[in-house]
Structures are given as C-alpha cells and as structure tokens.
C-alpha cells in the first residue's frame, strides 16, 4: 500500500472516530455528517462509527 501524506506528513493506516476525523482534518461535525450522507466511506452505525483515515483522504481528494 502506498504511503499517504498530508502536508508532507505520513498518515498512519488507522481507523478513527468521527470526532478524531474532525480534529485531524479541521472540519465540523455537521460537515462530516454531510460528507457521510454524500458517500464518505465508514464502518458501523451511530453507536460505533469508524473511519479509515487514508480512505477518507482519498475520498475527499476525489469528491470534494
């Protein structure tokens, strides 16, 4: 798997929570919810939703 970088910093191959996605990418919870409704990849439901950070970044690059 290729290494993904953001601002020259490698992104770990990790799964994170919604609040962590918002913190790392500087977006609001409502923006994350809107993007998820547009097809942002995630696993789980309202109780335990996780995002694969490299996949989220790839999706944003192609769908923003």
Protein backbone atom coordinates (compact mmCIF):
# COMPACT_ATOMS: atom_id res chain seq x y z
CA UNK A 1 0.00 0.00 0.00
CA UNK A 2 1.32 3.44 -0.90
CA UNK A 3 2.06 5.90 1.85
CA UNK A 4 -0.37 8.80 2.00
CA UNK A 5 0.93 12.16 3.16
CA UNK A 6 -0.86 15.30 4.30
CA UNK A 7 1.23 18.46 4.25
CA UNK A 8 4.33 16.29 3.91
CA UNK A 9 3.49 14.15 6.96
CA UNK A 10 2.73 10.42 6.53
CA UNK A 11 -0.77 9.37 7.58
CA UNK A 12 -0.98 6.21 9.65
CA UNK A 13 -3.05 3.29 8.41
CA UNK A 14 -5.55 3.64 11.23
CA UNK A 15 -9.27 3.70 11.94
CA UNK A 16 -10.54 6.74 13.85
CA UNK A 17 -13.77 8.04 15.34
CA UNK A 18 -15.84 10.87 13.89
CA UNK A 19 -14.56 13.44 16.41
CA UNK A 20 -10.99 12.38 15.60
CA UNK A 21 -11.61 12.84 11.84
CA UNK A 22 -12.96 16.32 12.59
CA UNK A 23 -9.98 17.19 14.77
CA UNK A 24 -7.37 15.90 12.32
CA UNK A 25 -8.95 17.48 9.25
CA UNK A 26 -10.28 20.67 10.85
CA UNK A 27 -13.94 20.16 9.99
CA UNK A 28 -17.14 20.44 11.97
CA UNK A 29 -19.34 17.50 12.94
CA UNK A 30 -22.06 18.80 10.64
CA UNK A 31 -19.62 18.83 7.70
CA UNK A 32 -18.60 15.25 8.49
CA UNK A 33 -22.27 14.22 8.61
CA UNK A 34 -22.95 15.96 5.28
CA UNK A 35 -19.97 14.24 3.65
CA UNK A 36 -21.04 10.87 5.06
CA UNK A 37 -24.50 11.40 3.54
CA UNK A 38 -22.75 12.04 0.20
CA UNK A 39 -20.94 8.69 0.45
CA UNK A 40 -17.89 9.21 2.68
CA UNK A 41 -16.74 5.65 3.48
CA UNK A 42 -17.18 4.45 7.06
CA UNK A 43 -17.99 1.36 9.06
CA UNK A 44 -20.50 0.97 11.84
CA UNK A 45 -23.55 2.86 12.95
CA UNK A 46 -24.36 5.76 15.28
CA UNK A 47 -23.10 3.90 18.33
CA UNK A 48 -19.73 2.87 16.94
CA UNK A 49 -18.76 4.51 13.65
CA UNK A 50 -15.14 4.41 12.46
CA UNK A 51 -13.35 5.93 9.50
CA UNK A 52 -10.22 4.56 7.79
CA UNK A 53 -8.17 7.75 7.62
CA UNK A 54 -6.26 7.03 4.36
CA UNK A 55 -9.52 6.05 2.64
CA UNK A 56 -11.21 9.22 3.87
CA UNK A 57 -8.38 11.34 2.47
CA UNK A 58 -8.56 9.58 -0.90
CA UNK A 59 -12.33 10.02 -1.00
CA UNK A 60 -12.06 13.72 -0.17
CA UNK A 61 -9.46 14.23 -2.89
CA UNK A 62 -11.81 12.79 -5.49
CA UNK A 63 -15.15 14.04 -4.19
CA UNK A 64 -14.60 17.41 -2.50
